[in-house]
Amino acid sequence: MSVSSSVRRLTAAAGVAAAVVGAVTLPAAAADHHGRQYRPAVYISDVQYDSPGRDDRSNRSLNAEWVELTNDSRRAVNLDGWTVSDEDGHTYTFDHYRLNGRATVRIHTGIGRDNRTDVYQDRRAYVWDNYSDTATLRNDRDRFVDEVSWGYDRDHRGDDRHRGGDHRGDDRRHGGGHRDGHRD
């Protein structure tokens, strides 16, 4: 056997060994990734469902009711076509909006001028129910991204957070108190 054929056989054997090690290592890494809590880059970071003060439907009061989205990644995310909705089907759809990396945007209920950190639904009535509701975030393909629920009529547990199909309890209470009347 010549030296060159021995080198070729050893090189081939090393290549096969590397492929086997890679195949064994990859599933372990994949299993580790799936074992961790999944967190999408853009998620609902906070909700103010009960605007402070009297609920008098003034624009000031309507704009004190909001949902906040945060982009935890370093890259900007195009939110064009993404939606935030409540249980009754009130839906806000982003139009030509780009959320920078490591940035947050608030979606206010009332009327206002959109900017980099605040966008407005331009509504004249409250959207989020003080007693119980769910804010759901979907991407431009209508795929579920995140949701936050509050209220005691579901499982008597208080707030719940679901991300990317994952579920975990969230003991934070957003806002406070309750509106005197019903929402429209």
Protein backbone atom coordinates (compact mmCIF):
# COMPACT_ATOMS: atom_id res chain seq x y z
CA MET A 1 0.00 0.00 0.00
CA SER A 2 1.40 3.37 -0.96
CA VAL A 3 1.62 6.37 1.34
CA SER A 4 -0.81 8.36 -0.81
CA SER A 5 -3.50 5.65 -0.67
CA SER A 6 -3.02 5.38 3.12
CA VAL A 7 -3.41 9.15 3.43
CA ARG A 8 -6.53 9.03 1.28
CA ARG A 9 -8.02 6.24 3.42
CA LEU A 10 -7.19 8.07 6.65
CA THR A 11 -8.65 11.29 5.24
CA ALA A 12 -11.80 9.44 4.18
CA ALA A 13 -12.07 7.78 7.60
CA ALA A 14 -11.62 11.15 9.32
CA GLY A 15 -14.34 12.64 7.09
CA VAL A 16 -16.76 9.82 7.96
CA ALA A 17 -15.95 10.19 11.67
CA ALA A 18 -16.56 13.95 11.48
CA ALA A 19 -19.89 13.36 9.74
CA VAL A 20 -20.95 10.83 12.39
CA VAL A 21 -19.94 13.16 15.24
CA GLY A 22 -21.74 16.04 13.51
CA ALA A 23 -24.89 13.96 13.09
CA VAL A 24 -24.84 12.93 16.75
CA THR A 25 -24.05 16.45 17.98
CA LEU A 26 -26.71 18.22 15.89
CA PRO A 27 -29.73 16.48 17.43
CA ALA A 28 -28.36 17.14 20.92
CA ALA A 29 -28.03 20.84 20.12
CA ALA A 30 -31.47 20.88 18.53
CA ALA A 31 -32.98 19.16 21.56
CA ASP A 32 -31.33 21.73 23.82
CA HIS A 33 -32.80 24.58 21.73
CA HIS A 34 -36.30 23.10 21.88
CA GLY A 35 -36.02 22.48 25.61
CA ARG A 36 -35.66 26.22 26.28
CA GLN A 37 -38.52 28.69 26.49
CA TYR A 38 -39.17 30.02 22.97
CA ARG A 39 -39.32 33.80 22.78
CA PRO A 40 -40.07 35.50 19.48
CA ALA A 41 -38.02 38.56 18.52
CA VAL A 42 -41.17 40.74 18.60
CA TYR A 43 -43.57 40.18 21.50
CA ILE A 44 -46.19 41.95 23.61
CA SER A 45 -44.15 43.49 26.40
CA ASP A 46 -46.88 45.36 28.30
CA VAL A 47 -50.58 46.25 28.24
CA GLN A 48 -52.36 49.22 29.86
CA TYR A 49 -55.97 48.05 29.53
CA ASP A 50 -57.47 50.42 32.08
CA SER A 51 -56.55 54.01 31.38
CA PRO A 52 -55.86 55.96 34.58
CA GLY A 53 -58.54 58.37 35.78
CA ARG A 54 -62.14 58.63 34.62
CA ASP A 55 -63.21 56.69 31.58
CA ASP A 56 -64.85 59.59 29.81
CA ARG A 57 -63.91 58.60 26.23
CA SER A 58 -61.79 61.72 25.88
CA ASN A 59 -58.91 61.30 23.45
CA ARG A 60 -56.52 61.67 26.39
CA SER A 61 -58.19 58.77 28.22
CA LEU A 62 -58.37 56.63 25.06
CA ASN A 63 -54.66 57.16 24.41
CA ALA A 64 -53.82 56.12 27.98
CA GLU A 65 -55.06 52.64 26.95
CA TRP A 66 -52.33 50.86 24.96
CA VAL A 67 -50.47 47.70 24.02
CA GLU A 68 -46.68 47.73 23.83
CA LEU A 69 -44.58 45.61 21.46
CA THR A 70 -40.83 45.09 21.88
CA ASN A 71 -38.25 43.83 19.39
CA ASP A 72 -35.52 42.03 21.36
CA SER A 73 -33.38 41.28 18.33
CA ARG A 74 -30.62 43.48 16.96
CA ARG A 75 -32.27 43.66 13.55
CA ALA A 76 -35.24 45.80 12.54
CA VAL A 77 -38.48 43.93 11.84
CA ASN A 78 -40.95 45.04 9.17
CA LEU A 79 -44.36 44.98 10.90
CA ASP A 80 -46.30 45.88 7.75
CA GLY A 81 -49.45 43.73 7.81
CA TRP A 82 -48.96 42.53 11.42
CA THR A 83 -52.05 42.77 13.64
CA VAL A 84 -52.93 43.24 17.30
CA SER A 85 -56.49 42.26 18.21
CA ASP A 86 -58.78 41.73 21.19
CA GLU A 87 -61.26 38.92 21.89
CA ASP A 88 -64.12 40.86 20.23
CA GLY A 89 -62.25 41.20 16.96
CA HIS A 90 -61.16 44.83 17.23
CA THR A 91 -57.99 44.78 15.14
CA TYR A 92 -55.16 47.20 14.54
CA THR A 93 -53.08 46.50 11.42
CA PHE A 94 -49.60 47.99 11.02
CA ASP A 95 -49.12 49.86 7.75
CA HIS A 96 -45.60 50.70 6.57
CA TYR A 97 -44.02 50.42 10.03
CA ARG A 98 -40.54 49.13 10.81
CA LEU A 99 -39.66 48.36 14.46
CA ASN A 100 -35.95 48.90 15.00
CA GLY A 101 -33.83 46.38 16.86
CA ARG A 102 -33.94 46.68 20.66
CA ALA A 103 -36.90 49.08 20.33
CA THR A 104 -40.48 49.33 21.62
CA VAL A 105 -43.67 50.77 20.12
CA ARG A 106 -46.96 51.60 21.87
CA ILE A 107 -50.25 51.12 20.08
CA HIS A 108 -52.65 53.68 21.58
CA THR A 109 -56.42 53.33 21.23
CA GLY A 110 -57.26 57.00 20.52
CA ILE A 111 -56.40 59.48 17.81
CA GLY A 112 -52.86 60.77 17.26
CA ARG A 113 -49.97 61.18 14.88
CA ASP A 114 -47.88 58.04 14.35
CA ASN A 115 -44.16 58.26 15.03
CA ARG A 116 -41.25 55.92 15.73
CA THR A 117 -42.35 55.02 19.29
CA ASP A 118 -46.15 55.52 19.24
CA VAL A 119 -48.87 54.56 16.77
CA TYR A 120 -52.61 55.24 17.07
CA GLN A 121 -55.70 53.18 16.25
CA ASP A 122 -57.74 56.39 15.74
CA ARG A 123 -60.74 55.01 17.65
CA ARG A 124 -63.35 56.94 19.61
CA ALA A 125 -64.20 54.05 21.97
CA TYR A 126 -62.20 51.81 24.32
CA VAL A 127 -60.90 48.50 22.96
CA TRP A 128 -59.46 46.57 25.91
CA ASP A 129 -61.86 45.18 28.50
CA ASN A 130 -60.85 45.91 32.10
CA TYR A 131 -62.36 42.73 33.51
CA SER A 132 -60.86 40.21 31.11
CA ASP A 133 -59.51 40.20 27.59
CA THR A 134 -56.69 38.91 25.43
CA ALA A 135 -54.31 40.93 23.27
CA THR A 136 -53.12 38.76 20.36
CA LEU A 137 -50.21 39.54 18.05
CA ARG A 138 -50.11 37.94 14.57
CA ASN A 139 -47.58 38.39 11.78
CA ASP A 140 -48.30 39.42 8.18
CA ARG A 141 -49.11 35.78 7.31
CA ASP A 142 -51.72 35.67 10.10
CA ARG A 143 -49.54 33.33 12.15
CA PHE A 144 -49.75 33.52 15.93
CA VAL A 145 -46.76 35.31 17.50
CA ASP A 146 -47.75 36.20 21.08
CA GLU A 147 -50.67 36.94 23.37
CA VAL A 148 -51.34 38.31 26.82
CA SER A 149 -54.57 37.62 28.73
CA TRP A 150 -55.92 39.12 31.93
CA GLY A 151 -58.94 38.69 34.16
CA TYR A 152 -60.36 36.16 36.53
CA ASP A 153 -63.03 34.56 34.37
CA ARG A 154 -60.48 32.12 32.88
CA ASP A 155 -59.07 29.45 35.20
CA HIS A 156 -59.21 31.95 38.10
CA ARG A 157 -55.46 32.48 37.72
CA GLY A 158 -55.13 36.08 36.63
CA ASP A 159 -52.82 37.08 33.78
CA ASP A 160 -51.53 34.53 31.29
CA ARG A 161 -48.87 34.85 28.63
CA HIS A 162 -48.57 32.62 25.57
CA ARG A 163 -45.62 32.97 23.20
CA GLY A 164 -45.18 31.12 19.97
CA GLY A 165 -47.58 28.43 21.14
CA ASP A 166 -45.80 28.15 24.48
CA HIS A 167 -47.68 28.84 27.72
CA ARG A 168 -46.48 30.04 31.07
CA GLY A 169 -48.18 31.96 33.88
CA ASP A 170 -47.38 35.64 34.25
CA ASP A 171 -48.14 37.15 37.62
CA ARG A 172 -47.85 40.76 36.46
CA ARG A 173 -51.04 42.82 36.56
CA HIS A 174 -51.24 45.42 33.83
CA GLY A 175 -53.10 48.61 34.66
CA GLY A 176 -55.42 48.55 37.59
CA GLY A 177 -58.99 49.05 38.71
CA HIS A 178 -62.00 48.57 36.46
CA ARG A 179 -64.12 50.78 34.25
CA ASP A 180 -67.52 51.67 35.59
CA GLY A 181 -69.34 50.76 32.39
CA HIS A 182 -69.03 48.15 29.71
CA ARG A 183 -66.84 48.57 26.73
CA ASP A 184 -68.36 49.14 23.30
